[in-house]
Amino acid sequence: MTGAISQMQMLYNPEEDRILFRVNTTARQQFRFWLTRRYSILLLKVLKEHLDSDPDITLQETPQAREAVKSFKQERAMTSANFKEQFDESANELPLGKDVPVAFKLTYNLKDGNLSIGLQPKEGQGINMAINRDINMSLTKLLLVAAKKGDWRLDQQGPFVGDELHENIVIN
């Protein structure tokens, strides 16, 4: 992937019973994948592991203190994210091609507080992204909102349990 992430979008498609995940970069490239329910569950587990490894949370002595810090960080990340801007449809390049591949292989690495995550189809090229915890929270929220439209009931597995999931679909 060339350039930094500029926008992410997840849309549930009822005909496919899949989520279309699109990532725009600052280099005006767009990467697209179909996410199945099974893949989404795996992705949520990786995202949750990254969030749960936050030393600000793990170093708290009581479960209540850990929950309070986690809630504060979620609220801060959500208020700093831009969910209002429309998704930019005018990418100059589709490096993975016009056909949207199904995400098949998920690789990840936690290092220095960041998550390096790779999404690959069964065959062909994929993408690698490095995200911090704030972007992780936004990505998690996008995934849960899209999954809710398909009644996939993934919200019981994510860090936003009990939160109201609104239908905002883009993170800028």
Foldseek 3Di string as FASTA:
>chain_A
DPAAWDKWFWAQDVVVRWIWIWTAHPLLEIEIATEHLVNLLVVQVLLQVLLVVPCCLVVDDDPVSSLVVSVVLLVVLVVPWDLPDDDDPRRPYHVQDPDHAHFDDWDWDADPQWIWIWTDHPDDDTDIHIGHNSVSSVVSLLSVLNVVVSVSPCLVPHPQNPPDRDNRTMTD
